[in-house]
C-alpha atoms as a PDB file:
ATOM      1  CA  UNK A   1      -1.696 -31.085 -12.409  1.00  0.00           C
ATOM      2  CA  UNK A   2      -4.579 -28.730 -11.857  1.00  0.00           C
ATOM      3  CA  UNK A   3      -4.250 -24.987 -12.358  1.00  0.00           C
ATOM      4  CA  UNK A   4      -3.272 -22.923  -9.342  1.00  0.00           C
ATOM      5  CA  UNK A   5      -4.726 -19.443  -9.123  1.00  0.00           C
ATOM      6  CA  UNK A   6      -3.887 -16.504  -6.963  1.00  0.00           C
ATOM      7  CA  UNK A   7      -5.966 -13.313  -6.874  1.00  0.00           C
ATOM      8  CA  UNK A   8      -3.198 -11.019  -5.748  1.00  0.00           C
ATOM      9  CA  UNK A   9      -4.132  -7.364  -5.832  1.00  0.00           C
ATOM     10  CA  UNK A  10      -0.711  -6.810  -4.349  1.00  0.00           C
ATOM     11  CA  UNK A  11       1.115  -8.520  -7.207  1.00  0.00           C
ATOM     12  CA  UNK A  12       2.760  -6.770 -10.189  1.00  0.00           C
ATOM     13  CA  UNK A  13       4.862  -8.345 -12.827  1.00  0.00           C
ATOM     14  CA  UNK A  14       7.275  -7.429 -15.519  1.00  0.00           C
ATOM     15  CA  UNK A  15       8.205  -9.352 -18.910  1.00  0.00           C
ATOM     16  CA  UNK A  16       8.821  -9.934 -22.878  1.00  0.00           C
ATOM     17  CA  UNK A  17       7.301  -8.221 -25.335  1.00  0.00           C
ATOM     18  CA  UNK A  18       6.394  -8.862 -28.735  1.00  0.00           C
ATOM     19  CA  UNK A  19       2.803  -9.395 -28.594  1.00  0.00           C
ATOM     20  CA  UNK A  20      -0.144 -10.526 -30.162  1.00  0.00           C
ATOM     21  CA  UNK A  21      -3.757 -11.320 -30.474  1.00  0.00           C
ATOM     22  CA  UNK A  22      -3.739 -14.088 -33.112  1.00  0.00           C
ATOM     23  CA  UNK A  23      -1.217 -16.646 -34.096  1.00  0.00           C
ATOM     24  CA  UNK A  24       0.835 -16.073 -37.244  1.00  0.00           C
ATOM     25  CA  UNK A  25       2.370 -18.574 -39.546  1.00  0.00           C
ATOM     26  CA  UNK A  26       5.682 -19.941 -38.296  1.00  0.00           C
ATOM     27  CA  UNK A  27       8.543 -17.601 -39.231  1.00  0.00           C
ATOM     28  CA  UNK A  28      11.339 -18.780 -41.500  1.00  0.00           C
ATOM     29  CA  UNK A  29      14.593 -20.047 -39.959  1.00  0.00           C
ATOM     30  CA  UNK A  30      17.724 -18.116 -40.995  1.00  0.00           C
ATOM     31  CA  UNK A  31      21.343 -17.758 -39.915  1.00  0.00           C
ATOM     32  CA  UNK A  32      21.252 -14.870 -37.461  1.00  0.00           C
ATOM     33  CA  UNK A  33      24.661 -13.329 -38.209  1.00  0.00           C
ATOM     34  CA  UNK A  34      24.245 -12.955 -41.987  1.00  0.00           C
ATOM     35  CA  UNK A  35      20.636 -11.795 -41.529  1.00  0.00           C
ATOM     36  CA  UNK A  36      21.733  -9.083 -39.088  1.00  0.00           C
ATOM     37  CA  UNK A  37      24.452  -7.948 -41.496  1.00  0.00           C
ATOM     38  CA  UNK A  38      21.909  -7.743 -44.298  1.00  0.00           C
ATOM     39  CA  UNK A  39      19.435  -5.771 -42.177  1.00  0.00           C
ATOM     40  CA  UNK A  40      22.132  -3.399 -40.894  1.00  0.00           C
ATOM     41  CA  UNK A  41      23.228  -2.633 -44.452  1.00  0.00           C
ATOM     42  CA  UNK A  42      19.624  -1.997 -45.493  1.00  0.00           C
ATOM     43  CA  UNK A  43      18.607   0.103 -42.486  1.00  0.00           C
ATOM     44  CA  UNK A  44      21.852   1.780 -41.474  1.00  0.00           C
ATOM     45  CA  UNK A  45      22.326   0.530 -37.909  1.00  0.00           C
ATOM     46  CA  UNK A  46      25.538  -0.875 -36.406  1.00  0.00           C
ATOM     47  CA  UNK A  47      25.949  -4.274 -34.731  1.00  0.00           C
ATOM     48  CA  UNK A  48      28.184  -5.216 -31.787  1.00  0.00           C
ATOM     49  CA  UNK A  49      28.693  -8.781 -30.555  1.00  0.00           C
ATOM     50  CA  UNK A  50      28.265 -10.713 -33.806  1.00  0.00           C
ATOM     51  CA  UNK A  51      30.946 -13.170 -32.666  1.00  0.00           C
ATOM     52  CA  UNK A  52      28.508 -14.871 -30.260  1.00  0.00           C
ATOM     53  CA  UNK A  53      26.143 -15.669 -33.129  1.00  0.00           C
ATOM     54  CA  UNK A  54      28.387 -17.969 -35.148  1.00  0.00           C
ATOM     55  CA  UNK A  55      26.323 -20.797 -36.675  1.00  0.00           C
ATOM     56  CA  UNK A  56      23.263 -19.688 -34.685  1.00  0.00           C
ATOM     57  CA  UNK A  57      19.860 -19.809 -36.337  1.00  0.00           C
ATOM     58  CA  UNK A  58      16.757 -17.812 -35.501  1.00  0.00           C
ATOM     59  CA  UNK A  59      13.345 -16.833 -36.778  1.00  0.00           C
ATOM     60  CA  UNK A  60      12.822 -14.072 -39.330  1.00  0.00           C
ATOM     61  CA  UNK A  61       9.470 -12.552 -40.220  1.00  0.00           C
ATOM     62  CA  UNK A  62       8.487  -9.854 -42.720  1.00  0.00           C
ATOM     63  CA  UNK A  63       7.339  -7.253 -40.188  1.00  0.00           C
ATOM     64  CA  UNK A  64       8.605  -3.866 -39.028  1.00  0.00           C
ATOM     65  CA  UNK A  65      12.330  -3.687 -38.197  1.00  0.00           C
ATOM     66  CA  UNK A  66      12.031  -3.355 -34.422  1.00  0.00           C
ATOM     67  CA  UNK A  67       9.856  -6.433 -33.923  1.00  0.00           C
ATOM     68  CA  UNK A  68      11.797  -8.316 -36.578  1.00  0.00           C
ATOM     69  CA  UNK A  69      15.003  -7.830 -34.588  1.00  0.00           C
ATOM     70  CA  UNK A  70      13.254  -8.845 -31.381  1.00  0.00           C
ATOM     71  CA  UNK A  71      12.158 -12.160 -32.904  1.00  0.00           C
ATOM     72  CA  UNK A  72      15.540 -12.796 -34.537  1.00  0.00           C
ATOM     73  CA  UNK A  73      17.358 -12.279 -31.207  1.00  0.00           C
ATOM     74  CA  UNK A  74      14.744 -13.819 -28.888  1.00  0.00           C
ATOM     75  CA  UNK A  75      17.254 -16.339 -27.477  1.00  0.00           C
ATOM     76  CA  UNK A  76      19.933 -13.726 -26.749  1.00  0.00           C
ATOM     77  CA  UNK A  77      20.313 -10.898 -24.247  1.00  0.00           C
ATOM     78  CA  UNK A  78      20.520  -7.807 -26.399  1.00  0.00           C
ATOM     79  CA  UNK A  79      20.077  -4.048 -26.469  1.00  0.00           C
ATOM     80  CA  UNK A  80      18.379  -2.046 -29.226  1.00  0.00           C
ATOM     81  CA  UNK A  81      19.573   1.567 -29.127  1.00  0.00           C
ATOM     82  CA  UNK A  82      17.298   4.078 -30.836  1.00  0.00           C
ATOM     83  CA  UNK A  83      18.496   7.280 -32.496  1.00  0.00           C
ATOM     84  CA  UNK A  84      17.019  10.752 -32.252  1.00  0.00           C
ATOM     85  CA  UNK A  85      14.588   9.933 -35.057  1.00  0.00           C
ATOM     86  CA  UNK A  86      13.239   6.918 -33.163  1.00  0.00           C
ATOM     87  CA  UNK A  87      14.778   4.398 -35.553  1.00  0.00           C
ATOM     88  CA  UNK A  88      17.103   1.587 -34.451  1.00  0.00           C
ATOM     89  CA  UNK A  89      20.663   2.972 -34.535  1.00  0.00           C
ATOM     90  CA  UNK A  90      22.636   0.191 -32.862  1.00  0.00           C
ATOM     91  CA  UNK A  91      22.199  -3.475 -31.903  1.00  0.00           C
ATOM     92  CA  UNK A  92      24.315  -4.914 -29.070  1.00  0.00           C
ATOM     93  CA  UNK A  93      24.333  -8.700 -28.517  1.00  0.00           C
ATOM     94  CA  UNK A  94      25.627  -9.722 -25.077  1.00  0.00           C
ATOM     95  CA  UNK A  95      25.207 -13.495 -25.159  1.00  0.00           C
ATOM     96  CA  UNK A  96      22.741 -16.326 -25.002  1.00  0.00           C
ATOM     97  CA  UNK A  97      20.003 -16.061 -22.375  1.00  0.00           C
ATOM     98  CA  UNK A  98      20.291 -18.368 -19.385  1.00  0.00           C
ATOM     99  CA  UNK A  99      16.835 -19.913 -19.684  1.00  0.00           C
ATOM    100  CA  UNK A 100      15.772 -22.378 -22.377  1.00  0.00           C
ATOM    101  CA  UNK A 101      13.657 -23.086 -24.279  1.00  0.00           C
ATOM    102  CA  UNK A 102      12.419 -19.635 -25.254  1.00  0.00           C
ATOM    103  CA  UNK A 103       8.688 -19.001 -25.344  1.00  0.00           C
ATOM    104  CA  UNK A 104       6.902 -18.454 -28.621  1.00  0.00           C
ATOM    105  CA  UNK A 105       6.703 -14.848 -29.687  1.00  0.00           C
ATOM    106  CA  UNK A 106       3.320 -13.722 -30.945  1.00  0.00           C
ATOM    107  CA  UNK A 107       2.853 -10.685 -33.141  1.00  0.00           C
ATOM    108  CA  UNK A 108      -0.188  -8.577 -33.831  1.00  0.00           C
ATOM    109  CA  UNK A 109      -0.811  -5.143 -35.230  1.00  0.00           C
ATOM    110  CA  UNK A 110       0.415  -1.901 -33.696  1.00  0.00           C
ATOM    111  CA  UNK A 111       0.501  -1.668 -29.918  1.00  0.00           C
ATOM    112  CA  UNK A 112       0.077   1.436 -27.828  1.00  0.00           C
ATOM    113  CA  UNK A 113       3.418   2.236 -26.135  1.00  0.00           C
ATOM    114  CA  UNK A 114       1.917   3.455 -22.870  1.00  0.00           C
ATOM    115  CA  UNK A 115      -1.257   1.406 -22.656  1.00  0.00           C
ATOM    116  CA  UNK A 116      -1.688  -0.408 -19.352  1.00  0.00           C
ATOM    117  CA  UNK A 117      -5.224  -1.685 -19.717  1.00  0.00           C
ATOM    118  CA  UNK A 118      -6.663  -5.051 -20.567  1.00  0.00           C
ATOM    119  CA  UNK A 119      -5.722  -8.594 -19.734  1.00  0.00           C
ATOM    120  CA  UNK A 120      -2.223  -9.888 -20.493  1.00  0.00           C
ATOM    121  CA  UNK A 121      -1.405 -13.540 -21.104  1.00  0.00           C
ATOM    122  CA  UNK A 122       2.200 -14.702 -21.102  1.00  0.00           C
ATOM    123  CA  UNK A 123       3.807 -18.070 -21.669  1.00  0.00           C
ATOM    124  CA  UNK A 124       5.904 -19.152 -18.712  1.00  0.00           C
ATOM    125  CA  UNK A 125       9.147 -21.093 -18.677  1.00  0.00           C
ATOM    126  CA  UNK A 126       9.050 -23.900 -16.118  1.00  0.00           C
ATOM    127  CA  UNK A 127      12.000 -24.402 -13.775  1.00  0.00           C
ATOM    128  CA  UNK A 128      10.779 -27.232 -11.561  1.00  0.00           C
ATOM    129  CA  UNK A 129       7.885 -25.793  -9.567  1.00  0.00           C
ATOM    130  CA  UNK A 130       8.827 -22.214 -10.472  1.00  0.00           C
ATOM    131  CA  UNK A 131       7.815 -20.096 -13.438  1.00  0.00           C
ATOM    132  CA  UNK A 132       9.790 -17.485 -15.343  1.00  0.00           C
ATOM    133  CA  UNK A 133       8.643 -15.063 -18.034  1.00  0.00           C
ATOM    134  CA  UNK A 134      10.500 -13.051 -20.630  1.00  0.00           C
ATOM    135  CA  UNK A 135      10.211  -9.296 -20.299  1.00  0.00           C
ATOM    136  CA  UNK A 136      11.796  -6.271 -21.893  1.00  0.00           C
ATOM    137  CA  UNK A 137      13.627  -3.894 -19.571  1.00  0.00           C
ATOM    138  CA  UNK A 138      13.855  -0.281 -20.720  1.00  0.00           C
ATOM    139  CA  UNK A 139      16.724   1.812 -19.419  1.00  0.00           C
ATOM    140  CA  UNK A 140      18.125   5.255 -20.167  1.00  0.00           C
ATOM    141  CA  UNK A 141      17.927   6.655 -23.692  1.00  0.00           C
ATOM    142  CA  UNK A 142      15.620   3.952 -24.992  1.00  0.00           C
ATOM    143  CA  UNK A 143      18.033   1.082 -24.326  1.00  0.00           C
ATOM    144  CA  UNK A 144      16.140  -2.180 -24.064  1.00  0.00           C
ATOM    145  CA  UNK A 145      17.235  -5.587 -22.853  1.00  0.00           C
ATOM    146  CA  UNK A 146      15.196  -8.799 -23.093  1.00  0.00           C
ATOM    147  CA  UNK A 147      15.548 -11.087 -20.098  1.00  0.00           C
ATOM    148  CA  UNK A 148      13.858 -14.064 -18.461  1.00  0.00           C
ATOM    149  CA  UNK A 149      12.835 -13.222 -14.879  1.00  0.00           C
ATOM    150  CA  UNK A 150      11.599 -15.575 -12.181  1.00  0.00           C
ATOM    151  CA  UNK A 151       8.112 -14.660 -10.905  1.00  0.00           C
ATOM    152  CA  UNK A 152       8.548 -13.830  -7.217  1.00  0.00           C
ATOM    153  CA  UNK A 153       5.831 -12.119  -5.184  1.00  0.00           C
ATOM    154  CA  UNK A 154       8.197 -12.080  -2.191  1.00  0.00           C
ATOM    155  CA  UNK A 155      10.474  -9.506  -3.851  1.00  0.00           C
ATOM    156  CA  UNK A 156       9.588  -5.835  -3.389  1.00  0.00           C
ATOM    157  CA  UNK A 157      11.131  -4.814  -6.719  1.00  0.00           C
ATOM    158  CA  UNK A 158      12.444  -6.161  -9.981  1.00  0.00           C
ATOM    159  CA  UNK A 159      15.825  -7.666  -9.046  1.00  0.00           C
ATOM    160  CA  UNK A 160      18.705  -7.850 -11.536  1.00  0.00           C
ATOM    161  CA  UNK A 161      22.419  -8.691 -11.458  1.00  0.00           C
ATOM    162  CA  UNK A 162      24.670  -5.643 -11.062  1.00  0.00           C
ATOM    163  CA  UNK A 163      26.218  -6.445 -14.451  1.00  0.00           C
ATOM    164  CA  UNK A 164      22.990  -5.121 -16.023  1.00  0.00           C
ATOM    165  CA  UNK A 165      23.536  -1.541 -14.769  1.00  0.00           C
ATOM    166  CA  UNK A 166      25.764  -0.489 -17.671  1.00  0.00           C
ATOM    167  CA  UNK A 167      23.791  -2.206 -20.483  1.00  0.00           C
ATOM    168  CA  UNK A 168      20.670  -0.382 -19.282  1.00  0.00           C
ATOM    169  CA  UNK A 169      22.499   2.940 -19.440  1.00  0.00           C
ATOM    170  CA  UNK A 170      22.198   3.673 -15.718  1.00  0.00           C
ATOM    171  CA  UNK A 171      24.771   5.702 -13.792  1.00  0.00           C
ATOM    172  CA  UNK A 172      25.861   3.585 -10.848  1.00  0.00           C
ATOM    173  CA  UNK A 173      26.666   6.739  -8.871  1.00  0.00           C
ATOM    174  CA  UNK A 174      23.013   7.773  -9.077  1.00  0.00           C
ATOM    175  CA  UNK A 175      21.790   4.539  -7.453  1.00  0.00           C
ATOM    176  CA  UNK A 176      21.162   4.420  -3.705  1.00  0.00           C
ATOM    177  CA  UNK A 177      22.719   1.705  -1.562  1.00  0.00           C
ATOM    178  CA  UNK A 178      20.439  -0.186   0.801  1.00  0.00           C
ATOM    179  CA  UNK A 179      20.604  -3.356   2.872  1.00  0.00           C
ATOM    180  CA  UNK A 180      18.035  -5.962   1.875  1.00  0.00           C
ATOM    181  CA  UNK A 181      16.988  -9.326   3.246  1.00  0.00           C
ATOM    182  CA  UNK A 182      17.431 -12.338   0.983  1.00  0.00           C
ATOM    183  CA  UNK A 183      16.944 -16.052   1.482  1.00  0.00           C
ATOM    184  CA  UNK A 184      20.698 -16.258   2.126  1.00  0.00           C
ATOM    185  CA  UNK A 185      20.846 -13.388   4.595  1.00  0.00           C
ATOM    186  CA  UNK A 186      21.251  -9.617   4.495  1.00  0.00           C
ATOM    187  CA  UNK A 187      23.166  -8.111   1.577  1.00  0.00           C
ATOM    188  CA  UNK A 188      23.798  -4.701   0.049  1.00  0.00           C
ATOM    189  CA  UNK A 189      21.779  -3.725  -3.024  1.00  0.00           C
ATOM    190  CA  UNK A 190      21.821  -0.738  -5.362  1.00  0.00           C
ATOM    191  CA  UNK A 191      18.330   0.703  -5.776  1.00  0.00           C
ATOM    192  CA  UNK A 192      17.029   2.668  -8.734  1.00  0.00           C
ATOM    193  CA  UNK A 193      14.211   3.051 -11.235  1.00  0.00           C
ATOM    194  CA  UNK A 194      13.830   1.590 -14.721  1.00  0.00           C
ATOM    195  CA  UNK A 195      12.222   3.803 -17.325  1.00  0.00           C
ATOM    196  CA  UNK A 196       9.786   0.979 -18.037  1.00  0.00           C
ATOM    197  CA  UNK A 197       9.156  -2.745 -18.172  1.00  0.00           C
ATOM    198  CA  UNK A 198       7.355  -4.171 -21.211  1.00  0.00           C
ATOM    199  CA  UNK A 199       4.955  -7.098 -20.880  1.00  0.00           C
ATOM    200  CA  UNK A 200       3.587  -8.475 -24.146  1.00  0.00           C
ATOM    201  CA  UNK A 201       3.492  -4.965 -25.631  1.00  0.00           C
ATOM    202  CA  UNK A 202       2.207  -3.246 -22.485  1.00  0.00           C
ATOM    203  CA  UNK A 203       4.564  -0.546 -21.185  1.00  0.00           C
ATOM    204  CA  UNK A 204       4.744  -0.112 -17.396  1.00  0.00           C
ATOM    205  CA  UNK A 205       6.638   3.128 -16.678  1.00  0.00           C
ATOM    206  CA  UNK A 206       8.900   3.918 -13.721  1.00  0.00           C
ATOM    207  CA  UNK A 207       9.532   0.506 -12.163  1.00  0.00           C
ATOM    208  CA  UNK A 208      11.594   0.132  -8.972  1.00  0.00           C
ATOM    209  CA  UNK A 209      14.657  -2.082  -9.442  1.00  0.00           C
ATOM    210  CA  UNK A 210      17.334  -3.546  -7.151  1.00  0.00           C
ATOM    211  CA  UNK A 211      20.762  -4.642  -8.387  1.00  0.00           C
ATOM    212  CA  UNK A 212      22.708  -7.369  -6.555  1.00  0.00           C
ATOM    213  CA  UNK A 213      26.079  -8.987  -7.151  1.00  0.00           C
ATOM    214  CA  UNK A 214      25.425 -12.024  -9.331  1.00  0.00           C
ATOM    215  CA  UNK A 215      26.898 -14.458  -6.760  1.00  0.00           C
ATOM    216  CA  UNK A 216      24.362 -13.235  -4.189  1.00  0.00           C
ATOM    217  CA  UNK A 217      21.419 -13.236  -6.614  1.00  0.00           C
ATOM    218  CA  UNK A 218      21.790 -16.818  -7.839  1.00  0.00           C
ATOM    219  CA  UNK A 219      19.393 -16.339 -10.776  1.00  0.00           C
ATOM    220  CA  UNK A 220      19.053 -14.292 -13.962  1.00  0.00           C
ATOM    221  CA  UNK A 221      16.668 -11.969 -12.118  1.00  0.00           C
ATOM    222  CA  UNK A 222      13.330 -11.680 -10.307  1.00  0.00           C
ATOM    223  CA  UNK A 223      10.052 -10.159 -11.393  1.00  0.00           C
ATOM    224  CA  UNK A 224       8.854  -8.632  -8.143  1.00  0.00           C
ATOM    225  CA  UNK A 225       6.088  -6.507  -6.718  1.00  0.00           C
ATOM    226  CA  UNK A 226       7.041  -3.213  -8.379  1.00  0.00           C
ATOM    227  CA  UNK A 227       5.499  -4.864 -11.455  1.00  0.00           C
ATOM    228  CA  UNK A 228       3.300  -7.653 -10.115  1.00  0.00           C
ATOM    229  CA  UNK A 229       1.597  -5.419  -7.561  1.00  0.00           C
ATOM    230  CA  UNK A 230      -0.253  -3.676 -10.381  1.00  0.00           C
ATOM    231  CA  UNK A 231      -2.163  -6.836 -11.294  1.00  0.00           C
ATOM    232  CA  UNK A 232      -4.272  -9.719 -10.148  1.00  0.00           C
ATOM    233  CA  UNK A 233      -2.293 -12.790 -11.170  1.00  0.00           C
ATOM    234  CA  UNK A 234      -3.225 -16.336 -12.172  1.00  0.00           C
ATOM    235  CA  UNK A 235      -0.690 -19.057 -13.004  1.00  0.00           C
ATOM    236  CA  UNK A 236      -1.917 -22.094 -14.922  1.00  0.00           C
ATOM    237  CA  UNK A 237       0.477 -24.975 -14.188  1.00  0.00           C
ATOM    238  CA  UNK A 238      -1.009 -27.239 -16.857  1.00  0.00           C
ATOM    239  CA  UNK A 239      -0.772 -24.766 -19.730  1.00  0.00           C
ATOM    240  CA  UNK A 240       2.281 -22.852 -18.472  1.00  0.00           C
ATOM    241  CA  UNK A 241       0.463 -19.543 -18.737  1.00  0.00           C
ATOM    242  CA  UNK A 242       0.490 -16.404 -16.641  1.00  0.00           C
ATOM    243  CA  UNK A 243      -2.625 -14.204 -16.767  1.00  0.00           C
ATOM    244  CA  UNK A 244      -2.482 -10.629 -15.495  1.00  0.00           C
ATOM    245  CA  UNK A 245      -5.553  -8.464 -14.917  1.00  0.00           C
ATOM    246  CA  UNK A 246      -4.846  -4.812 -14.010  1.00  0.00           C
ATOM    247  CA  UNK A 247      -5.930  -3.658 -10.590  1.00  0.00           C
ATOM    248  CA  UNK A 248      -8.706  -1.086 -10.584  1.00  0.00           C
ATOM    249  CA  UNK A 249      -7.238   2.137 -11.905  1.00  0.00           C
ATOM    250  CA  UNK A 250      -4.132   0.306 -13.144  1.00  0.00           C
ATOM    251  CA  UNK A 251      -2.093   1.343 -10.100  1.00  0.00           C
ATOM    252  CA  UNK A 252       0.140  -0.676  -7.861  1.00  0.00           C
ATOM    253  CA  UNK A 253      -1.093  -2.037  -4.586  1.00  0.00           C
ATOM    254  CA  UNK A 254      -1.012   0.450  -1.687  1.00  0.00           C
ATOM    255  CA  UNK A 255       2.532   0.953  -0.436  1.00  0.00           C
ATOM    256  CA  UNK A 256       4.208  -0.937  -3.294  1.00  0.00           C
ATOM    257  CA  UNK A 257       5.597   2.099  -5.098  1.00  0.00           C
ATOM    258  CA  UNK A 258       7.274   3.596  -2.027  1.00  0.00           C
ATOM    259  CA  UNK A 259       8.706   0.515  -0.381  1.00  0.00           C
ATOM    260  CA  UNK A 260      11.977   0.694  -2.313  1.00  0.00           C
ATOM    261  CA  UNK A 261      12.718   4.217  -1.066  1.00  0.00           C
ATOM    262  CA  UNK A 262      11.352   4.204   2.484  1.00  0.00           C
ATOM    263  CA  UNK A 263      11.462   0.713   3.972  1.00  0.00           C
ATOM    264  CA  UNK A 264      13.777  -2.228   4.268  1.00  0.00           C
ATOM    265  CA  UNK A 265      13.384  -4.429   1.207  1.00  0.00           C
ATOM    266  CA  UNK A 266      12.851  -8.145   1.041  1.00  0.00           C
ATOM    267  CA  UNK A 267      14.296 -10.213  -1.791  1.00  0.00           C
ATOM    268  CA  UNK A 268      13.836 -13.957  -1.797  1.00  0.00           C
END
């Protein structure tokens, strides 16, 4: 199948996270539970949810602790809680991600936490004719959750199940309720703002998000225009690659940033 390209100045997209400019040697396979216990003893962080990792194996690489944990837990929804000194203080494992197989994780040298310049290339996960990408969602107090989100330019915002509100550290009472249009009709959503979404090491701050009941969402989540609108986007169907080129000035398309607060949203 030939590559399909869309130059969408009104498209912004959110996703995973450990990045890279050059391929590294394949990381060693280890038992995740014992490796986490060893790392927690060495670095002084606590671990919650080890019971879901029984007999599970993952990749381990000799890199800094944060990215090492990200690779080790790449197939699981998890939260890394950072302490006041910026170091990892707690690891929470919530369960296996819904989408398989996971994409390769590429690592390079240090990344700038607030850089939003330059081209981004992400591996996509095919679901029939649709593509998903893995992103990192940053909530309150540095909480971060890795998740596979379906690329959807018809969604005004990043869309997540309501069960993600607590893991991201958000106060449900602070979210605003709004009626939105979905493919299955009009439903109530809780609207808010994520501290950031990370795409292959690029940090996109202050991203509009909508939370829906999981039975009305019907997916693990959508990567909508509050991210994708900041880029021109190309999807290569043959190579399963998403290429993002920042819009001039790195800003979202006109109107994208205010839609969540001022207009009726659309979620497909």
